[in-house]
């Protein structure tokens, strides 16, 4: 799992800027802190955000399904901190 404090910090930064919090954006943010040449796999970030949700540290933003578009991909699920919803 990626450092929990870094993930929650990313959520605070994006929410504070009014930007959506999902694995793709969080991955880019975390890339600033990766070791030289390192990066975070978007699927790992998505799984870690989902884990924080299961622990009650994040909540999903309600999603709207458009026609038959199907469920939102895991990497595009949006989150907020419980106190911000």
N, C-alpha and C. Protein backbone atom coordinates (compact mmCIF):
# COMPACT_ATOMS: atom_id res chain seq x y z
N UNK A 1 0.86 -1.19 0.00
CA UNK A 1 0.00 0.00 0.00
C UNK A 1 0.90 1.24 0.00
N UNK A 2 0.46 2.23 -0.74
CA UNK A 2 1.14 3.52 -0.76
C UNK A 2 0.92 4.18 0.60
N UNK A 3 1.86 5.00 1.03
CA UNK A 3 1.76 5.65 2.32
C UNK A 3 0.40 6.34 2.47
N UNK A 4 -0.31 5.96 3.51
CA UNK A 4 -1.66 6.48 3.75
C UNK A 4 -1.69 8.00 3.88
N UNK A 5 -0.71 8.57 4.58
CA UNK A 5 -0.67 10.02 4.76
C UNK A 5 -0.51 10.74 3.43
N UNK A 6 0.30 10.17 2.53
CA UNK A 6 0.47 10.78 1.21
C UNK A 6 -0.83 10.73 0.42
N UNK A 7 -1.53 9.61 0.49
CA UNK A 7 -2.80 9.50 -0.22
C UNK A 7 -3.82 10.50 0.31
N UNK A 8 -3.95 10.58 1.63
CA UNK A 8 -4.91 11.51 2.21
C UNK A 8 -4.52 12.96 1.94
N UNK A 9 -3.23 13.24 1.92
CA UNK A 9 -2.76 14.59 1.58
C UNK A 9 -3.16 14.94 0.15
N UNK A 10 -3.00 13.99 -0.76
CA UNK A 10 -3.39 14.22 -2.15
C UNK A 10 -4.88 14.53 -2.25
N UNK A 11 -5.70 13.80 -1.50
CA UNK A 11 -7.15 14.04 -1.50
C UNK A 11 -7.43 15.46 -1.00
N UNK A 12 -6.76 15.89 0.06
CA UNK A 12 -6.96 17.25 0.60
C UNK A 12 -6.56 18.31 -0.42
N UNK A 13 -5.43 18.09 -1.09
CA UNK A 13 -4.94 19.06 -2.08
C UNK A 13 -5.93 19.20 -3.23
N UNK A 14 -6.38 18.09 -3.77
CA UNK A 14 -7.31 18.16 -4.91
C UNK A 14 -8.67 18.72 -4.50
N UNK A 15 -9.18 18.29 -3.34
CA UNK A 15 -10.47 18.84 -2.88
C UNK A 15 -10.35 20.34 -2.64
N UNK A 16 -9.24 20.77 -2.05
CA UNK A 16 -9.03 22.19 -1.80
C UNK A 16 -8.95 23.01 -3.07
N UNK A 17 -8.46 22.40 -4.14
CA UNK A 17 -8.35 23.08 -5.42
C UNK A 17 -9.61 22.92 -6.27
N UNK A 18 -10.59 22.19 -5.74
CA UNK A 18 -11.84 21.99 -6.48
C UNK A 18 -11.68 21.01 -7.65
N UNK A 19 -10.66 20.19 -7.60
CA UNK A 19 -10.41 19.22 -8.67
C UNK A 19 -10.89 17.84 -8.24
N UNK A 20 -11.30 17.01 -9.20
CA UNK A 20 -11.78 15.67 -8.84
C UNK A 20 -10.66 14.79 -8.29
N UNK A 21 -11.00 14.02 -7.28
CA UNK A 21 -10.04 13.10 -6.67
C UNK A 21 -10.35 11.70 -7.19
N UNK A 22 -9.52 11.21 -8.08
CA UNK A 22 -9.61 9.83 -8.54
C UNK A 22 -8.19 9.33 -8.77
N UNK A 23 -8.05 8.04 -8.99
CA UNK A 23 -6.73 7.41 -9.05
C UNK A 23 -5.80 8.05 -10.08
N UNK A 24 -6.33 8.46 -11.21
CA UNK A 24 -5.48 9.04 -12.25
C UNK A 24 -4.85 10.36 -11.79
N UNK A 25 -5.64 11.22 -11.17
CA UNK A 25 -5.10 12.49 -10.68
C UNK A 25 -4.16 12.28 -9.49
N UNK A 26 -4.55 11.41 -8.58
CA UNK A 26 -3.73 11.15 -7.40
C UNK A 26 -2.38 10.57 -7.82
N UNK A 27 -2.38 9.71 -8.82
CA UNK A 27 -1.14 9.11 -9.33
C UNK A 27 -0.18 10.20 -9.80
N UNK A 28 -0.70 11.16 -10.53
CA UNK A 28 0.15 12.26 -11.02
C UNK A 28 0.71 13.06 -9.85
N UNK A 29 -0.12 13.34 -8.86
CA UNK A 29 0.33 14.09 -7.69
C UNK A 29 1.43 13.33 -6.96
N UNK A 30 1.23 12.04 -6.73
CA UNK A 30 2.21 11.24 -6.02
C UNK A 30 3.51 11.11 -6.80
N UNK A 31 3.45 11.21 -8.11
CA UNK A 31 4.65 11.12 -8.93
C UNK A 31 5.68 12.18 -8.58
N UNK A 32 5.23 13.28 -8.01
CA UNK A 32 6.15 14.34 -7.58
C UNK A 32 7.07 13.87 -6.47
N UNK A 33 6.63 12.87 -5.72
CA UNK A 33 7.36 12.40 -4.55
C UNK A 33 8.06 11.07 -4.77
N UNK A 34 7.86 10.48 -5.94
CA UNK A 34 8.48 9.18 -6.22
C UNK A 34 9.98 9.34 -6.35
N UNK A 35 10.68 8.27 -6.05
CA UNK A 35 12.13 8.28 -6.24
C UNK A 35 12.43 8.56 -7.70
N UNK A 36 13.63 9.01 -7.97
CA UNK A 36 14.01 9.36 -9.34
C UNK A 36 13.66 8.22 -10.30
N UNK A 37 12.90 8.56 -11.33
CA UNK A 37 12.51 7.57 -12.32
C UNK A 37 11.35 6.70 -11.88
N UNK A 38 10.89 6.87 -10.66
CA UNK A 38 9.79 6.05 -10.15
C UNK A 38 8.43 6.62 -10.50
N UNK A 39 7.44 5.79 -10.42
CA UNK A 39 6.08 6.23 -10.65
C UNK A 39 5.15 5.29 -9.89
N UNK A 40 3.89 5.67 -9.82
CA UNK A 40 2.89 4.85 -9.16
C UNK A 40 1.94 4.30 -10.22
N UNK A 41 1.71 3.01 -10.19
CA UNK A 41 0.78 2.36 -11.11
C UNK A 41 -0.64 2.78 -10.75
N UNK A 42 -1.41 3.21 -11.76
CA UNK A 42 -2.75 3.74 -11.50
C UNK A 42 -3.66 2.69 -10.85
N UNK A 43 -3.49 1.44 -11.20
CA UNK A 43 -4.30 0.38 -10.59
C UNK A 43 -4.01 0.21 -9.11
N UNK A 44 -2.75 0.39 -8.73
CA UNK A 44 -2.36 0.31 -7.32
C UNK A 44 -2.96 1.48 -6.55
N UNK A 45 -2.91 2.67 -7.15
CA UNK A 45 -3.49 3.85 -6.50
C UNK A 45 -5.00 3.64 -6.33
N UNK A 46 -5.67 3.13 -7.35
CA UNK A 46 -7.11 2.89 -7.27
C UNK A 46 -7.43 1.90 -6.15
N UNK A 47 -6.65 0.82 -6.05
CA UNK A 47 -6.87 -0.18 -5.00
C UNK A 47 -6.63 0.41 -3.62
N UNK A 48 -5.62 1.26 -3.50
CA UNK A 48 -5.34 1.87 -2.20
C UNK A 48 -6.41 2.87 -1.79
N UNK A 49 -6.94 3.63 -2.75
CA UNK A 49 -8.05 4.54 -2.43
C UNK A 49 -9.27 3.75 -2.00
N UNK A 50 -9.52 2.63 -2.68
CA UNK A 50 -10.64 1.77 -2.31
C UNK A 50 -10.45 1.20 -0.90
N UNK A 51 -9.22 0.84 -0.56
CA UNK A 51 -8.92 0.34 0.78
C UNK A 51 -9.20 1.41 1.84
N UNK A 52 -8.79 2.65 1.56
CA UNK A 52 -9.06 3.74 2.51
C UNK A 52 -10.56 3.97 2.65
N UNK A 53 -11.30 3.76 1.57
CA UNK A 53 -12.76 3.88 1.66
C UNK A 53 -13.31 2.79 2.57
N UNK A 54 -12.80 1.57 2.43
CA UNK A 54 -13.30 0.46 3.26
C UNK A 54 -12.98 0.68 4.74
N UNK A 55 -11.93 1.44 5.02
CA UNK A 55 -11.56 1.77 6.40
C UNK A 55 -12.31 2.99 6.94
N UNK A 56 -13.14 3.61 6.09
CA UNK A 56 -13.92 4.77 6.51
C UNK A 56 -13.15 6.08 6.44
N UNK A 57 -11.99 6.08 5.81
CA UNK A 57 -11.19 7.30 5.73
C UNK A 57 -11.50 8.13 4.49
N UNK A 58 -12.20 7.54 3.53
CA UNK A 58 -12.66 8.24 2.32
C UNK A 58 -14.08 7.83 2.04
N UNK A 59 -14.79 8.67 1.29
CA UNK A 59 -16.13 8.34 0.83
C UNK A 59 -16.19 8.58 -0.67
N UNK A 60 -16.97 7.76 -1.35
CA UNK A 60 -17.17 7.94 -2.78
C UNK A 60 -18.12 9.10 -3.04
N UNK A 61 -17.83 9.82 -4.10
CA UNK A 61 -18.75 10.85 -4.57
C UNK A 61 -19.82 10.12 -5.38
N UNK A 62 -21.10 10.40 -5.16
CA UNK A 62 -22.13 9.71 -5.93
C UNK A 62 -21.89 9.89 -7.44
N UNK A 63 -21.99 8.79 -8.18
CA UNK A 63 -21.76 8.81 -9.62
C UNK A 63 -23.08 8.74 -10.37
N UNK A 64 -23.09 9.32 -11.53
CA UNK A 64 -24.26 9.28 -12.41
C UNK A 64 -23.93 8.38 -13.58
N UNK A 65 -24.78 7.40 -13.86
CA UNK A 65 -24.58 6.56 -15.03
C UNK A 65 -25.34 7.18 -16.18
N UNK A 66 -24.65 7.37 -17.28
CA UNK A 66 -25.25 7.95 -18.48
C UNK A 66 -25.71 6.83 -19.40
N UNK A 67 -27.02 6.73 -19.60
CA UNK A 67 -27.61 5.71 -20.47
C UNK A 67 -27.05 4.34 -20.11
N UNK A 68 -26.44 3.66 -21.07
CA UNK A 68 -25.90 2.32 -20.84
C UNK A 68 -24.38 2.34 -20.80
N UNK A 69 -23.82 3.38 -20.21
CA UNK A 69 -22.36 3.51 -20.20
C UNK A 69 -21.69 2.54 -19.23
N UNK A 70 -22.46 1.93 -18.34
CA UNK A 70 -21.90 0.98 -17.40
C UNK A 70 -21.31 1.66 -16.18
N UNK A 71 -20.76 0.87 -15.29
CA UNK A 71 -20.19 1.44 -14.06
C UNK A 71 -18.92 2.24 -14.34
N UNK A 72 -18.62 3.14 -13.45
CA UNK A 72 -17.41 3.96 -13.55
C UNK A 72 -16.18 3.06 -13.39
N UNK A 73 -15.18 3.19 -14.27
CA UNK A 73 -13.95 2.41 -14.08
C UNK A 73 -13.31 2.74 -12.73
N UNK A 74 -12.65 1.75 -12.11
CA UNK A 74 -12.05 1.94 -10.78
C UNK A 74 -11.11 3.14 -10.74
N UNK A 75 -10.41 3.39 -11.83
CA UNK A 75 -9.43 4.48 -11.84
C UNK A 75 -10.09 5.85 -11.93
N UNK A 76 -11.40 5.90 -12.21
CA UNK A 76 -12.11 7.18 -12.34
C UNK A 76 -13.12 7.41 -11.21
N UNK A 77 -13.20 6.50 -10.24
CA UNK A 77 -14.11 6.69 -9.09
C UNK A 77 -13.60 7.88 -8.28
N UNK A 78 -14.51 8.79 -7.97
CA UNK A 78 -14.13 10.00 -7.24
C UNK A 78 -14.37 9.83 -5.75
N UNK A 79 -13.46 10.44 -4.96
CA UNK A 79 -13.52 10.34 -3.50
C UNK A 79 -13.44 11.70 -2.85
N UNK A 80 -13.93 11.77 -1.61
CA UNK A 80 -13.76 12.93 -0.75
C UNK A 80 -13.47 12.40 0.66
N UNK A 81 -12.95 13.27 1.50
CA UNK A 81 -12.80 12.94 2.90
C UNK A 81 -14.18 12.95 3.53
N UNK A 82 -14.47 12.07 4.48
CA UNK A 82 -15.80 12.02 5.08
C UNK A 82 -16.28 13.37 5.60
N UNK A 83 -15.39 14.18 6.12
CA UNK A 83 -15.79 15.50 6.67
C UNK A 83 -16.11 16.51 5.58
N UNK A 84 -15.79 16.21 4.32
CA UNK A 84 -16.01 17.16 3.24
C UNK A 84 -17.24 16.83 2.41
N UNK A 85 -17.94 15.76 2.75
CA UNK A 85 -19.09 15.38 1.95
C UNK A 85 -20.35 15.98 2.51
